[in-house]
Amino acid sequence: MNRDNNRIAETLRLYLSVLASVAYLGGGIALIASSQSFGIAALEGPLRYALAILLLVYGAFRGFRAFQQFRDQ
């Protein structure tokens, strides 16, 4: 029974990692795609794009790690 619980926990962790990756990527894309008047964030100019790029890079990193975890299972 303990082995099944570990497998369920690993699977749940993998799905949450993928979900977090998609959320970071989506946040970065939304920040780039939205206009200043859209009101997602009160950031302007280069700071806005720097944060968006940071979110995209971190989301890609989380996605890559989730892919590695999936491959190792």
C-alpha atoms as a PDB file:
ATOM      1  CA  MET A   1       0.000   0.000   0.000  1.00  0.00           C
ATOM      2  CA  ASN A   2       2.867   2.393   0.752  1.00  0.00           C
ATOM      3  CA  ARG A   3       4.260   1.898  -2.749  1.00  0.00           C
ATOM      4  CA  ASP A   4       0.914   2.945  -4.261  1.00  0.00           C
ATOM      5  CA  ASN A   5       0.838   6.064  -2.074  1.00  0.00           C
ATOM      6  CA  ASN A   6       4.332   7.029  -3.252  1.00  0.00           C
ATOM      7  CA  ARG A   7       3.320   6.557  -6.877  1.00  0.00           C
ATOM      8  CA  ILE A   8       0.228   8.720  -6.388  1.00  0.00           C
ATOM      9  CA  ALA A   9       2.290  11.431  -4.689  1.00  0.00           C
ATOM     10  CA  GLU A  10       4.862  11.401  -7.507  1.00  0.00           C
ATOM     11  CA  THR A  11       2.137  11.610 -10.150  1.00  0.00           C
ATOM     12  CA  LEU A  12       0.438  14.471  -8.320  1.00  0.00           C
ATOM     13  CA  ARG A  13       3.756  16.308  -8.023  1.00  0.00           C
ATOM     14  CA  LEU A  14       4.360  15.870 -11.754  1.00  0.00           C
ATOM     15  CA  TYR A  15       0.926  17.256 -12.645  1.00  0.00           C
ATOM     16  CA  LEU A  16       1.377  20.211 -10.302  1.00  0.00           C
ATOM     17  CA  SER A  17       4.780  20.936 -11.851  1.00  0.00           C
ATOM     18  CA  VAL A  18       3.264  20.959 -15.324  1.00  0.00           C
ATOM     19  CA  LEU A  19       0.399  23.168 -14.124  1.00  0.00           C
ATOM     20  CA  ALA A  20       2.834  25.628 -12.532  1.00  0.00           C
ATOM     21  CA  SER A  21       4.880  25.721 -15.726  1.00  0.00           C
ATOM     22  CA  VAL A  22       1.815  26.487 -17.817  1.00  0.00           C
ATOM     23  CA  ALA A  23       0.750  29.183 -15.335  1.00  0.00           C
ATOM     24  CA  TYR A  24       4.143  30.919 -15.500  1.00  0.00           C
ATOM     25  CA  LEU A  25       4.236  30.714 -19.291  1.00  0.00           C
ATOM     26  CA  GLY A  26       0.675  32.003 -19.543  1.00  0.00           C
ATOM     27  CA  GLY A  27       1.428  34.859 -17.174  1.00  0.00           C
ATOM     28  CA  GLY A  28       4.428  35.892 -19.236  1.00  0.00           C
ATOM     29  CA  ILE A  29       2.488  35.751 -22.475  1.00  0.00           C
ATOM     30  CA  ALA A  30      -0.431  37.677 -20.977  1.00  0.00           C
ATOM     31  CA  LEU A  31       1.913  40.337 -19.652  1.00  0.00           C
ATOM     32  CA  ILE A  32       3.503  40.804 -23.067  1.00  0.00           C
ATOM     33  CA  ALA A  33       0.218  40.644 -24.992  1.00  0.00           C
ATOM     34  CA  SER A  34      -1.814  42.975 -22.809  1.00  0.00           C
ATOM     35  CA  SER A  35      -1.844  46.684 -23.438  1.00  0.00           C
ATOM     36  CA  GLN A  36      -1.148  49.312 -20.782  1.00  0.00           C
ATOM     37  CA  SER A  37      -4.852  50.090 -20.545  1.00  0.00           C
ATOM     38  CA  PHE A  38      -5.786  46.433 -20.050  1.00  0.00           C
ATOM     39  CA  GLY A  39      -4.779  46.725 -16.405  1.00  0.00           C
ATOM     40  CA  ILE A  40      -3.125  43.397 -15.639  1.00  0.00           C
ATOM     41  CA  ALA A  41      -0.181  45.098 -13.981  1.00  0.00           C
ATOM     42  CA  ALA A  42       0.797  48.690 -13.381  1.00  0.00           C
ATOM     43  CA  LEU A  43       4.218  48.158 -14.920  1.00  0.00           C
ATOM     44  CA  GLU A  44       5.544  50.288 -17.722  1.00  0.00           C
ATOM     45  CA  GLY A  45       8.079  49.875 -20.503  1.00  0.00           C
ATOM     46  CA  PRO A  46      11.208  47.789 -20.048  1.00  0.00           C
ATOM     47  CA  LEU A  47      10.299  46.606 -16.548  1.00  0.00           C
ATOM     48  CA  ARG A  48       7.096  45.070 -17.886  1.00  0.00           C
ATOM     49  CA  TYR A  49       8.896  43.184 -20.650  1.00  0.00           C
ATOM     50  CA  ALA A  50      11.721  42.132 -18.324  1.00  0.00           C
ATOM     51  CA  LEU A  51       9.196  40.609 -15.915  1.00  0.00           C
ATOM     52  CA  ALA A  52       7.389  38.906 -18.798  1.00  0.00           C
ATOM     53  CA  ILE A  53      10.634  37.419 -20.102  1.00  0.00           C
ATOM     54  CA  LEU A  54      11.564  36.289 -16.595  1.00  0.00           C
ATOM     55  CA  LEU A  55       8.201  34.537 -16.258  1.00  0.00           C
ATOM     56  CA  LEU A  56       8.632  32.865 -19.656  1.00  0.00           C
ATOM     57  CA  VAL A  57      12.151  31.657 -18.860  1.00  0.00           C
ATOM     58  CA  TYR A  58      11.153  30.347 -15.438  1.00  0.00           C
ATOM     59  CA  GLY A  59       8.070  28.645 -16.894  1.00  0.00           C
ATOM     60  CA  ALA A  60      10.212  26.966 -19.555  1.00  0.00           C
ATOM     61  CA  PHE A  61      12.669  25.857 -16.866  1.00  0.00           C
ATOM     62  CA  ARG A  62       9.855  24.367 -14.763  1.00  0.00           C
ATOM     63  CA  GLY A  63       8.443  22.652 -17.855  1.00  0.00           C
ATOM     64  CA  PHE A  64      11.829  21.185 -18.719  1.00  0.00           C
ATOM     65  CA  ARG A  65      12.235  19.837 -15.189  1.00  0.00           C
ATOM     66  CA  ALA A  66       8.731  18.333 -15.319  1.00  0.00           C
ATOM     67  CA  PHE A  67       9.607  16.686 -18.634  1.00  0.00           C
ATOM     68  CA  GLN A  68      12.782  15.233 -17.098  1.00  0.00           C
ATOM     69  CA  GLN A  69      10.774  13.924 -14.141  1.00  0.00           C
ATOM     70  CA  PHE A  70       8.238  12.348 -16.518  1.00  0.00           C
ATOM     71  CA  ARG A  71      11.024  10.750 -18.553  1.00  0.00           C
ATOM     72  CA  ASP A  72      12.696   9.313 -15.446  1.00  0.00           C
ATOM     73  CA  GLN A  73       9.507   7.606 -14.234  1.00  0.00           C
END
